[in-house]
């Protein structure tokens, strides 16, 4: 994609997210978005059909980035156990997930309170977890737990670092019957 086009789309998407931190979705107008983005109305319509299309593009883009974070690198229990025991390293894909959440903090802080997004997030996480486990109940449980932890972390204004969060989850996964050292 042309860098100028990408910059304009990004500006529109960011303006929309910023507005969503200030007012409810229903009360945001295209006029609000274009004023905040510093573009004219026709430029908005070159990129998006309407506000709903913009919302969908934002969600699709960020969930795509989260999917990428979850896929790289693939989880391996033995390697994770060795890295944690020898160097106190968290599972690397967990760290990429929390770094992603940190990068898109504003998006998640708004969207986790919207109607459809939590369901989309849950489905995407379950799909990715299902690649590592054929047990649907385990995938549903882990997805719910991860979303709950993300909600906690965001609501606490990310007091803990992404590294701390990834280490905490790693410890829970590797040693489910032990308390975390920080507890």
N, C-alpha and C. Protein backbone atom coordinates (compact mmCIF):
# COMPACT_ATOMS: atom_id res chain seq x y z
N UNK A 1 0.85 -1.18 0.00
CA UNK A 1 0.00 0.00 0.00
C UNK A 1 0.89 1.24 0.00
N UNK A 2 0.48 2.22 -0.75
CA UNK A 2 1.17 3.50 -0.84
C UNK A 2 1.34 4.10 0.56
N UNK A 3 2.55 4.56 0.91
CA UNK A 3 2.77 5.10 2.26
C UNK A 3 1.85 6.27 2.61
N UNK A 4 1.52 7.11 1.63
CA UNK A 4 0.64 8.23 1.88
C UNK A 4 -0.78 7.76 2.19
N UNK A 5 -1.22 6.74 1.45
CA UNK A 5 -2.55 6.17 1.69
C UNK A 5 -2.58 5.53 3.09
N UNK A 6 -1.52 4.79 3.41
CA UNK A 6 -1.43 4.14 4.72
C UNK A 6 -1.45 5.18 5.84
N UNK A 7 -0.74 6.29 5.64
CA UNK A 7 -0.69 7.34 6.66
C UNK A 7 -2.08 7.96 6.87
N UNK A 8 -2.81 8.18 5.78
CA UNK A 8 -4.15 8.75 5.89
C UNK A 8 -5.09 7.78 6.60
N UNK A 9 -5.06 6.51 6.20
CA UNK A 9 -5.91 5.50 6.86
C UNK A 9 -5.59 5.43 8.35
N UNK A 10 -4.31 5.44 8.66
CA UNK A 10 -3.87 5.38 10.06
C UNK A 10 -4.37 6.60 10.83
N UNK A 11 -4.30 7.74 10.21
CA UNK A 11 -4.76 8.98 10.85
C UNK A 11 -6.26 8.91 11.14
N UNK A 12 -7.03 8.38 10.20
CA UNK A 12 -8.48 8.24 10.39
C UNK A 12 -8.76 7.24 11.52
N UNK A 13 -8.08 6.11 11.48
CA UNK A 13 -8.31 5.07 12.50
C UNK A 13 -7.93 5.59 13.89
N UNK A 14 -6.83 6.31 13.99
CA UNK A 14 -6.40 6.86 15.29
C UNK A 14 -7.36 7.94 15.78
N UNK A 15 -7.84 8.77 14.87
CA UNK A 15 -8.80 9.81 15.25
C UNK A 15 -10.06 9.15 15.83
N UNK A 16 -10.50 8.10 15.18
CA UNK A 16 -11.69 7.37 15.63
C UNK A 16 -11.46 6.77 17.02
N UNK A 17 -10.33 6.14 17.21
CA UNK A 17 -10.03 5.56 18.53
C UNK A 17 -9.97 6.63 19.61
N UNK A 18 -9.32 7.72 19.32
CA UNK A 18 -9.25 8.82 20.29
C UNK A 18 -10.64 9.33 20.65
N UNK A 19 -11.48 9.47 19.65
CA UNK A 19 -12.85 9.92 19.92
C UNK A 19 -13.61 8.91 20.78
N UNK A 20 -13.34 7.63 20.56
CA UNK A 20 -14.04 6.60 21.33
C UNK A 20 -13.64 6.61 22.81
N UNK A 21 -12.51 7.20 23.12
CA UNK A 21 -12.13 7.33 24.54
C UNK A 21 -12.85 8.51 25.18
N UNK A 22 -13.40 9.39 24.34
CA UNK A 22 -14.04 10.59 24.85
C UNK A 22 -15.57 10.52 24.86
N UNK A 23 -16.15 9.78 23.91
CA UNK A 23 -17.60 9.71 23.82
C UNK A 23 -18.03 8.33 23.33
N UNK A 24 -19.30 8.07 23.47
CA UNK A 24 -19.84 6.78 23.06
C UNK A 24 -19.84 6.66 21.53
N UNK A 25 -19.69 5.43 21.08
CA UNK A 25 -19.65 5.13 19.65
C UNK A 25 -20.83 5.74 18.91
N UNK A 26 -22.02 5.59 19.47
CA UNK A 26 -23.24 6.07 18.80
C UNK A 26 -23.23 7.57 18.57
N UNK A 27 -22.56 8.32 19.42
CA UNK A 27 -22.58 9.77 19.29
C UNK A 27 -21.44 10.32 18.42
N UNK A 28 -20.54 9.47 17.98
CA UNK A 28 -19.44 9.92 17.11
C UNK A 28 -19.96 10.02 15.68
N UNK A 29 -19.68 11.16 15.06
CA UNK A 29 -20.12 11.37 13.68
C UNK A 29 -18.91 11.33 12.74
N UNK A 30 -19.20 11.18 11.46
CA UNK A 30 -18.14 11.25 10.44
C UNK A 30 -17.47 12.62 10.51
N UNK A 31 -18.28 13.63 10.76
CA UNK A 31 -17.74 14.99 10.89
C UNK A 31 -16.70 15.06 12.02
N UNK A 32 -17.02 14.45 13.16
CA UNK A 32 -16.08 14.41 14.28
C UNK A 32 -14.76 13.75 13.86
N UNK A 33 -14.90 12.64 13.16
CA UNK A 33 -13.72 11.87 12.76
C UNK A 33 -12.84 12.66 11.80
N UNK A 34 -13.46 13.25 10.77
CA UNK A 34 -12.65 13.97 9.78
C UNK A 34 -12.01 15.23 10.38
N UNK A 35 -12.73 15.90 11.28
CA UNK A 35 -12.13 17.06 11.94
C UNK A 35 -10.93 16.65 12.76
N UNK A 36 -11.07 15.55 13.52
CA UNK A 36 -9.97 15.07 14.37
C UNK A 36 -8.79 14.60 13.52
N UNK A 37 -9.08 13.98 12.38
CA UNK A 37 -8.01 13.45 11.52
C UNK A 37 -7.38 14.54 10.65
N UNK A 38 -8.04 15.68 10.57
CA UNK A 38 -7.51 16.78 9.76
C UNK A 38 -7.62 16.51 8.25
N UNK A 39 -8.71 15.86 7.88
CA UNK A 39 -8.95 15.56 6.47
C UNK A 39 -10.34 16.05 6.09
N UNK A 40 -10.66 15.99 4.80
CA UNK A 40 -12.02 16.35 4.42
C UNK A 40 -12.88 15.09 4.29
N UNK A 41 -14.16 15.30 4.25
CA UNK A 41 -15.14 14.22 4.24
C UNK A 41 -14.93 13.28 3.05
N UNK A 42 -14.65 13.84 1.88
CA UNK A 42 -14.47 12.99 0.70
C UNK A 42 -13.26 12.07 0.84
N UNK A 43 -12.23 12.53 1.53
CA UNK A 43 -11.06 11.68 1.77
C UNK A 43 -11.45 10.50 2.66
N UNK A 44 -12.27 10.76 3.67
CA UNK A 44 -12.75 9.67 4.52
C UNK A 44 -13.43 8.61 3.66
N UNK A 45 -14.32 9.04 2.77
CA UNK A 45 -15.10 8.09 1.97
C UNK A 45 -14.28 7.41 0.88
N UNK A 46 -13.10 7.91 0.59
CA UNK A 46 -12.18 7.19 -0.30
C UNK A 46 -11.64 5.93 0.40
N UNK A 47 -11.59 5.97 1.73
CA UNK A 47 -10.99 4.89 2.51
C UNK A 47 -12.01 3.97 3.19
N UNK A 48 -13.13 4.52 3.60
CA UNK A 48 -14.12 3.75 4.36
C UNK A 48 -15.53 4.08 3.87
N UNK A 49 -16.42 3.09 3.95
CA UNK A 49 -17.80 3.29 3.52
C UNK A 49 -18.58 4.16 4.51
N UNK A 50 -18.36 3.89 5.81
CA UNK A 50 -19.06 4.60 6.87
C UNK A 50 -18.37 4.30 8.20
N UNK A 51 -18.98 4.74 9.26
CA UNK A 51 -18.40 4.56 10.60
C UNK A 51 -18.29 3.07 10.95
N UNK A 52 -19.28 2.28 10.58
CA UNK A 52 -19.26 0.85 10.88
C UNK A 52 -18.12 0.15 10.14
N UNK A 53 -17.89 0.55 8.89
CA UNK A 53 -16.78 0.00 8.11
C UNK A 53 -15.45 0.35 8.76
N UNK A 54 -15.33 1.57 9.24
CA UNK A 54 -14.11 1.99 9.95
C UNK A 54 -13.91 1.16 11.21
N UNK A 55 -14.98 0.94 11.97
CA UNK A 55 -14.91 0.12 13.18
C UNK A 55 -14.45 -1.29 12.83
N UNK A 56 -15.01 -1.86 11.78
CA UNK A 56 -14.65 -3.21 11.37
C UNK A 56 -13.19 -3.28 10.91
N UNK A 57 -12.74 -2.29 10.16
CA UNK A 57 -11.34 -2.25 9.73
C UNK A 57 -10.40 -2.17 10.93
N UNK A 58 -10.73 -1.32 11.89
CA UNK A 58 -9.91 -1.22 13.10
C UNK A 58 -9.81 -2.57 13.79
N UNK A 59 -10.94 -3.22 14.00
CA UNK A 59 -10.97 -4.51 14.69
C UNK A 59 -10.20 -5.57 13.91
N UNK A 60 -10.44 -5.64 12.62
CA UNK A 60 -9.77 -6.64 11.78
C UNK A 60 -8.27 -6.44 11.81
N UNK A 61 -7.84 -5.20 11.69
CA UNK A 61 -6.40 -4.89 11.69
C UNK A 61 -5.74 -5.30 13.01
N UNK A 62 -6.31 -4.88 14.12
CA UNK A 62 -5.70 -5.16 15.42
C UNK A 62 -5.77 -6.65 15.74
N UNK A 63 -6.89 -7.30 15.45
CA UNK A 63 -6.98 -8.74 15.69
C UNK A 63 -6.00 -9.51 14.80
N UNK A 64 -5.76 -9.02 13.60
CA UNK A 64 -4.74 -9.63 12.73
C UNK A 64 -3.36 -9.53 13.34
N UNK A 65 -3.07 -8.39 13.92
CA UNK A 65 -1.78 -8.21 14.60
C UNK A 65 -1.67 -9.12 15.82
N UNK A 66 -2.77 -9.28 16.55
CA UNK A 66 -2.76 -10.19 17.70
C UNK A 66 -2.56 -11.63 17.23
N UNK A 67 -3.21 -12.01 16.15
CA UNK A 67 -3.05 -13.36 15.60
C UNK A 67 -1.58 -13.61 15.25
N UNK A 68 -0.93 -12.63 14.64
CA UNK A 68 0.50 -12.74 14.32
C UNK A 68 1.31 -12.93 15.60
N UNK A 69 0.99 -12.18 16.63
CA UNK A 69 1.72 -12.29 17.89
C UNK A 69 1.55 -13.68 18.50
N UNK A 70 0.38 -14.25 18.37
CA UNK A 70 0.12 -15.56 18.96
C UNK A 70 0.80 -16.68 18.16
N UNK A 71 1.06 -16.46 16.90
CA UNK A 71 1.62 -17.51 16.05
C UNK A 71 3.12 -17.61 16.12
N UNK A 72 3.78 -16.57 16.54
CA UNK A 72 5.24 -16.60 16.48
C UNK A 72 5.86 -16.39 17.83
N UNK A 73 6.77 -17.22 18.22
CA UNK A 73 7.01 -18.56 17.70
C UNK A 73 6.04 -19.54 18.34
N UNK A 74 5.94 -20.71 17.79
CA UNK A 74 5.01 -21.72 18.29
C UNK A 74 5.43 -22.21 19.67
N UNK A 75 4.45 -22.56 20.48
CA UNK A 75 4.69 -23.00 21.85
C UNK A 75 5.27 -24.40 21.88
N UNK A 76 6.29 -24.59 22.72
CA UNK A 76 6.89 -25.90 22.95
C UNK A 76 7.13 -26.01 24.45
N UNK A 77 6.44 -26.94 25.12
CA UNK A 77 6.48 -27.04 26.58
C UNK A 77 7.90 -27.26 27.09
N UNK A 78 8.62 -28.19 26.51
CA UNK A 78 9.97 -28.52 27.00
C UNK A 78 10.91 -27.32 26.88
N UNK A 79 10.87 -26.64 25.73
CA UNK A 79 11.72 -25.46 25.54
C UNK A 79 11.33 -24.35 26.52
N UNK A 80 10.03 -24.14 26.69
CA UNK A 80 9.55 -23.11 27.61
C UNK A 80 10.01 -23.41 29.03
N UNK A 81 9.92 -24.66 29.45
CA UNK A 81 10.34 -25.06 30.79
C UNK A 81 11.83 -24.82 30.99
N UNK A 82 12.64 -25.19 30.00
CA UNK A 82 14.08 -24.99 30.08
C UNK A 82 14.43 -23.49 30.17
N UNK A 83 13.83 -22.69 29.29
CA UNK A 83 14.13 -21.25 29.29
C UNK A 83 13.69 -20.58 30.58
N UNK A 84 12.58 -21.02 31.14
CA UNK A 84 12.10 -20.43 32.39
C UNK A 84 13.00 -20.84 33.55
N UNK A 85 13.35 -22.12 33.63
CA UNK A 85 14.19 -22.62 34.73
C UNK A 85 15.61 -22.07 34.67
N UNK A 86 16.17 -21.97 33.48
CA UNK A 86 17.56 -21.53 33.34
C UNK A 86 17.73 -20.02 33.34
N UNK A 87 16.81 -19.30 32.68
CA UNK A 87 17.00 -17.85 32.51
C UNK A 87 15.80 -17.02 32.93
N UNK A 88 14.80 -17.64 33.54
CA UNK A 88 13.58 -16.94 33.95
C UNK A 88 12.92 -16.22 32.77
N UNK A 89 13.03 -16.81 31.57
CA UNK A 89 12.43 -16.25 30.37
C UNK A 89 10.99 -16.71 30.23
N UNK A 90 10.06 -15.80 29.95
CA UNK A 90 8.67 -16.20 29.73
C UNK A 90 8.54 -16.89 28.36
N UNK A 91 7.42 -17.54 28.16
CA UNK A 91 7.13 -18.10 26.84
C UNK A 91 7.10 -16.93 25.86
N UNK A 92 7.90 -17.02 24.82
CA UNK A 92 8.09 -15.87 23.93
C UNK A 92 6.80 -15.41 23.26
N UNK A 93 5.92 -16.34 22.89
CA UNK A 93 4.67 -15.90 22.26
C UNK A 93 3.77 -15.17 23.26
N UNK A 94 3.86 -15.50 24.55
CA UNK A 94 3.11 -14.75 25.56
C UNK A 94 3.64 -13.32 25.65
N UNK A 95 4.96 -13.20 25.61
CA UNK A 95 5.54 -11.86 25.65
C UNK A 95 5.09 -11.04 24.45
N UNK A 96 5.07 -11.65 23.26
CA UNK A 96 4.63 -10.88 22.08
C UNK A 96 3.16 -10.48 22.20
N UNK A 97 2.35 -11.32 22.84
CA UNK A 97 0.94 -10.97 23.04
C UNK A 97 0.82 -9.74 23.94
N UNK A 98 1.53 -9.75 25.07
CA UNK A 98 1.43 -8.61 25.99
C UNK A 98 2.08 -7.35 25.41
N UNK A 99 3.11 -7.50 24.61
CA UNK A 99 3.69 -6.33 23.93
C UNK A 99 2.67 -5.76 22.92
N UNK A 100 1.96 -6.64 22.26
CA UNK A 100 0.90 -6.20 21.34
C UNK A 100 -0.19 -5.44 22.09
N UNK A 101 -0.65 -5.99 23.21
CA UNK A 101 -1.70 -5.33 23.99
C UNK A 101 -1.20 -3.95 24.45
N UNK A 102 0.05 -3.88 24.88
CA UNK A 102 0.62 -2.60 25.29
C UNK A 102 0.62 -1.60 24.13
N UNK A 103 1.02 -2.06 22.95
CA UNK A 103 1.08 -1.19 21.78
C UNK A 103 -0.32 -0.65 21.41
N UNK A 104 -1.33 -1.49 21.55
CA UNK A 104 -2.69 -1.11 21.19
C UNK A 104 -3.56 -0.90 22.43
N UNK A 105 -2.96 -0.42 23.48
CA UNK A 105 -3.65 -0.22 24.76
C UNK A 105 -4.95 0.57 24.60
N UNK A 106 -4.88 1.69 23.92
CA UNK A 106 -6.05 2.55 23.77
C UNK A 106 -7.17 1.79 23.04
N UNK A 107 -6.82 1.08 21.99
CA UNK A 107 -7.80 0.30 21.25
C UNK A 107 -8.50 -0.70 22.16
N UNK A 108 -7.72 -1.50 22.90
CA UNK A 108 -8.31 -2.53 23.76
C UNK A 108 -9.10 -1.91 24.91
N UNK A 109 -8.62 -0.81 25.45
CA UNK A 109 -9.34 -0.20 26.58
C UNK A 109 -10.72 0.27 26.15
N UNK A 110 -10.88 0.66 24.90
CA UNK A 110 -12.17 1.07 24.38
C UNK A 110 -12.97 -0.14 23.91
N UNK A 111 -12.36 -0.98 23.10
CA UNK A 111 -13.09 -2.03 22.40
C UNK A 111 -13.54 -3.18 23.30
N UNK A 112 -12.85 -3.42 24.39
CA UNK A 112 -13.29 -4.50 25.29
C UNK A 112 -14.63 -4.17 25.94
N UNK A 113 -15.04 -2.91 25.85
CA UNK A 113 -16.34 -2.51 26.39
C UNK A 113 -17.42 -2.39 25.33
N UNK A 114 -17.06 -2.65 24.08
CA UNK A 114 -18.04 -2.60 22.99
C UNK A 114 -18.75 -3.95 22.90
N UNK A 115 -19.86 -3.98 22.18
CA UNK A 115 -20.71 -5.18 22.15
C UNK A 115 -20.07 -6.36 21.45
N UNK A 116 -19.60 -6.19 20.24
CA UNK A 116 -19.15 -7.32 19.42
C UNK A 116 -17.69 -7.70 19.61
N UNK A 117 -16.85 -6.75 19.94
CA UNK A 117 -15.42 -7.02 19.96
C UNK A 117 -14.99 -8.13 20.92
N UNK A 118 -15.46 -8.15 22.17
CA UNK A 118 -15.02 -9.24 23.06
C UNK A 118 -15.32 -10.63 22.48
N UNK A 119 -16.44 -10.76 21.81
CA UNK A 119 -16.79 -12.05 21.19
C UNK A 119 -15.82 -12.36 20.05
N UNK A 120 -15.49 -11.37 19.23
CA UNK A 120 -14.53 -11.56 18.14
C UNK A 120 -13.16 -11.95 18.71
N UNK A 121 -12.76 -11.28 19.77
CA UNK A 121 -11.47 -11.57 20.41
C UNK A 121 -11.45 -12.99 20.94
N UNK A 122 -12.51 -13.39 21.62
CA UNK A 122 -12.61 -14.73 22.18
C UNK A 122 -12.51 -15.79 21.07
N UNK A 123 -13.25 -15.59 19.99
CA UNK A 123 -13.24 -16.56 18.88
C UNK A 123 -11.85 -16.65 18.25
N UNK A 124 -11.19 -15.53 18.04
CA UNK A 124 -9.87 -15.54 17.43
C UNK A 124 -8.86 -16.25 18.32
N UNK A 125 -8.89 -15.97 19.62
CA UNK A 125 -7.96 -16.61 20.54
C UNK A 125 -8.21 -18.12 20.59
N UNK A 126 -9.48 -18.52 20.64
CA UNK A 126 -9.79 -19.96 20.64
C UNK A 126 -9.29 -20.63 19.36
N UNK A 127 -9.46 -19.98 18.22
CA UNK A 127 -8.96 -20.53 16.95
C UNK A 127 -7.46 -20.77 17.01
N UNK A 128 -6.74 -19.80 17.53
CA UNK A 128 -5.28 -19.94 17.59
C UNK A 128 -4.87 -21.01 18.61
N UNK A 129 -5.53 -21.03 19.76
CA UNK A 129 -5.20 -22.04 20.77
C UNK A 129 -5.54 -23.44 20.29
N UNK A 130 -6.57 -23.55 19.48
CA UNK A 130 -6.98 -24.85 18.97
C UNK A 130 -5.89 -25.48 18.11
N UNK A 131 -4.99 -24.68 17.58
CA UNK A 131 -3.85 -25.20 16.79
C UNK A 131 -2.88 -25.97 17.67
N UNK A 132 -2.89 -25.68 18.98
CA UNK A 132 -1.97 -26.33 19.91
C UNK A 132 -2.64 -27.41 20.74
N UNK A 133 -3.95 -27.46 20.73
CA UNK A 133 -4.68 -28.42 21.54
C UNK A 133 -5.98 -28.77 20.84
N UNK A 134 -6.33 -30.04 20.83
CA UNK A 134 -7.59 -30.42 20.18
C UNK A 134 -8.75 -30.41 21.18
N UNK A 135 -8.47 -30.05 22.40
CA UNK A 135 -9.50 -30.06 23.43
C UNK A 135 -10.22 -28.70 23.44
N UNK A 136 -11.47 -28.70 22.97
CA UNK A 136 -12.23 -27.45 22.88
C UNK A 136 -12.48 -26.82 24.24
N UNK A 137 -12.71 -27.63 25.24
CA UNK A 137 -12.96 -27.09 26.58
C UNK A 137 -11.73 -26.37 27.11
N UNK A 138 -10.56 -26.97 26.91
CA UNK A 138 -9.31 -26.34 27.35
C UNK A 138 -9.08 -25.02 26.61
N UNK A 139 -9.34 -25.02 25.31
CA UNK A 139 -9.17 -23.79 24.52
C UNK A 139 -10.11 -22.69 25.02
N UNK A 140 -11.36 -23.05 25.28
CA UNK A 140 -12.34 -22.07 25.77
C UNK A 140 -11.91 -21.52 27.13
N UNK A 141 -11.46 -22.40 28.00
CA UNK A 141 -11.02 -22.00 29.34
C UNK A 141 -9.81 -21.05 29.24
N UNK A 142 -8.81 -21.44 28.44
CA UNK A 142 -7.61 -20.62 28.31
C UNK A 142 -7.90 -19.28 27.66
N UNK A 143 -8.79 -19.27 26.65
CA UNK A 143 -9.15 -18.01 26.00
C UNK A 143 -9.84 -17.08 27.00
N UNK A 144 -10.78 -17.63 27.76
CA UNK A 144 -11.47 -16.82 28.76
C UNK A 144 -10.51 -16.27 29.81
N UNK A 145 -9.58 -17.10 30.24
CA UNK A 145 -8.59 -16.66 31.22
C UNK A 145 -7.70 -15.56 30.68
N UNK A 146 -7.24 -15.73 29.44
CA UNK A 146 -6.37 -14.72 28.84
C UNK A 146 -7.11 -13.39 28.66
N UNK A 147 -8.36 -13.46 28.22
CA UNK A 147 -9.14 -12.23 28.06
C UNK A 147 -9.38 -11.57 29.42
N UNK A 148 -9.67 -12.37 30.43
CA UNK A 148 -9.83 -11.82 31.78
C UNK A 148 -8.57 -11.14 32.27
N UNK A 149 -7.42 -11.75 31.99
CA UNK A 149 -6.14 -11.18 32.41
C UNK A 149 -5.86 -9.88 31.64
N UNK A 150 -6.18 -9.88 30.35
CA UNK A 150 -6.00 -8.66 29.55
C UNK A 150 -6.89 -7.54 30.10
N UNK A 151 -8.14 -7.87 30.43
CA UNK A 151 -9.06 -6.87 31.02
C UNK A 151 -8.48 -6.32 32.33
N UNK A 152 -7.98 -7.22 33.18
CA UNK A 152 -7.38 -6.79 34.46
C UNK A 152 -6.22 -5.85 34.20
N UNK A 153 -5.34 -6.26 33.30
CA UNK A 153 -4.12 -5.49 33.04
C UNK A 153 -4.46 -4.10 32.50
N UNK A 154 -5.42 -4.03 31.60
CA UNK A 154 -5.83 -2.74 31.04
C UNK A 154 -6.50 -1.89 32.10
N UNK A 155 -7.39 -2.49 32.89
CA UNK A 155 -8.10 -1.71 33.92
C UNK A 155 -7.15 -1.21 35.01
N UNK A 156 -6.02 -1.88 35.19
CA UNK A 156 -5.04 -1.41 36.18
C UNK A 156 -4.01 -0.47 35.55
N UNK A 157 -4.36 0.01 34.33
CA UNK A 157 -3.48 0.95 33.61
C UNK A 157 -2.10 0.34 33.36
N UNK A 158 -2.06 -0.96 33.18
CA UNK A 158 -0.83 -1.71 32.88
C UNK A 158 0.28 -1.40 33.90
N UNK A 159 -0.08 -1.54 35.17
CA UNK A 159 0.92 -1.32 36.23
C UNK A 159 2.13 -2.23 36.06
N UNK A 160 1.87 -3.47 35.68
CA UNK A 160 2.95 -4.42 35.48
C UNK A 160 3.44 -4.32 34.03
N UNK A 161 4.68 -4.66 33.82
CA UNK A 161 5.24 -4.62 32.47
C UNK A 161 4.75 -5.83 31.67
N UNK A 162 4.85 -5.75 30.33
CA UNK A 162 4.50 -6.92 29.51
C UNK A 162 5.33 -8.15 29.91
N UNK A 163 6.60 -7.91 30.25
CA UNK A 163 7.48 -9.00 30.66
C UNK A 163 6.97 -9.67 31.94
N UNK A 164 6.54 -8.85 32.90
CA UNK A 164 6.01 -9.40 34.15
C UNK A 164 4.76 -10.23 33.89
N UNK A 165 3.87 -9.71 33.06
CA UNK A 165 2.63 -10.44 32.76
C UNK A 165 2.93 -11.76 32.06
N UNK A 166 3.85 -11.73 31.10
CA UNK A 166 4.20 -12.95 30.37
C UNK A 166 4.87 -13.96 31.30
N UNK A 167 5.70 -13.49 32.20
CA UNK A 167 6.34 -14.41 33.17
C UNK A 167 5.29 -15.01 34.11
N UNK A 168 4.34 -14.21 34.54
CA UNK A 168 3.31 -14.70 35.44
C UNK A 168 2.51 -15.81 34.78
N UNK A 169 2.06 -15.58 33.54
CA UNK A 169 1.28 -16.60 32.83
C UNK A 169 2.15 -17.83 32.55
N UNK A 170 3.40 -17.61 32.19
CA UNK A 170 4.32 -18.74 31.94
C UNK A 170 4.42 -19.60 33.19
N UNK A 171 4.60 -18.97 34.34
CA UNK A 171 4.71 -19.72 35.59
C UNK A 171 3.43 -20.52 35.85
N UNK A 172 2.30 -19.92 35.64
CA UNK A 172 1.02 -20.61 35.86
C UNK A 172 0.89 -21.80 34.91
N UNK A 173 1.30 -21.62 33.65
CA UNK A 173 1.20 -22.72 32.69
C UNK A 173 2.17 -23.86 32.99
N UNK A 174 3.38 -23.49 33.39
CA UNK A 174 4.40 -24.52 33.62
C UNK A 174 4.28 -25.19 34.99
N UNK A 175 3.81 -24.44 35.97
CA UNK A 175 3.71 -24.95 37.34
C UNK A 175 2.32 -24.63 37.90
N UNK A 176 1.29 -25.28 37.37
CA UNK A 176 -0.08 -24.90 37.75
C UNK A 176 -0.43 -25.09 39.22
N UNK A 177 0.34 -25.85 39.96
CA UNK A 177 0.01 -26.12 41.37
C UNK A 177 0.87 -25.31 42.35
N UNK A 178 1.72 -24.44 41.82
CA UNK A 178 2.58 -23.63 42.69
C UNK A 178 2.16 -22.17 42.64
N UNK A 179 2.37 -21.48 43.73
CA UNK A 179 2.16 -20.03 43.73
C UNK A 179 3.29 -19.38 42.95
N UNK A 180 2.96 -18.26 42.34
CA UNK A 180 4.00 -17.48 41.63
C UNK A 180 4.92 -16.88 42.69
N UNK A 181 6.23 -16.76 42.39
CA UNK A 181 7.17 -16.18 43.37
C UNK A 181 6.78 -14.79 43.86
N UNK A 182 6.06 -14.01 43.07
CA UNK A 182 5.67 -12.65 43.47
C UNK A 182 4.44 -12.62 44.38
N UNK A 183 3.83 -13.79 44.63
CA UNK A 183 2.59 -13.79 45.41
C UNK A 183 2.88 -14.01 46.87
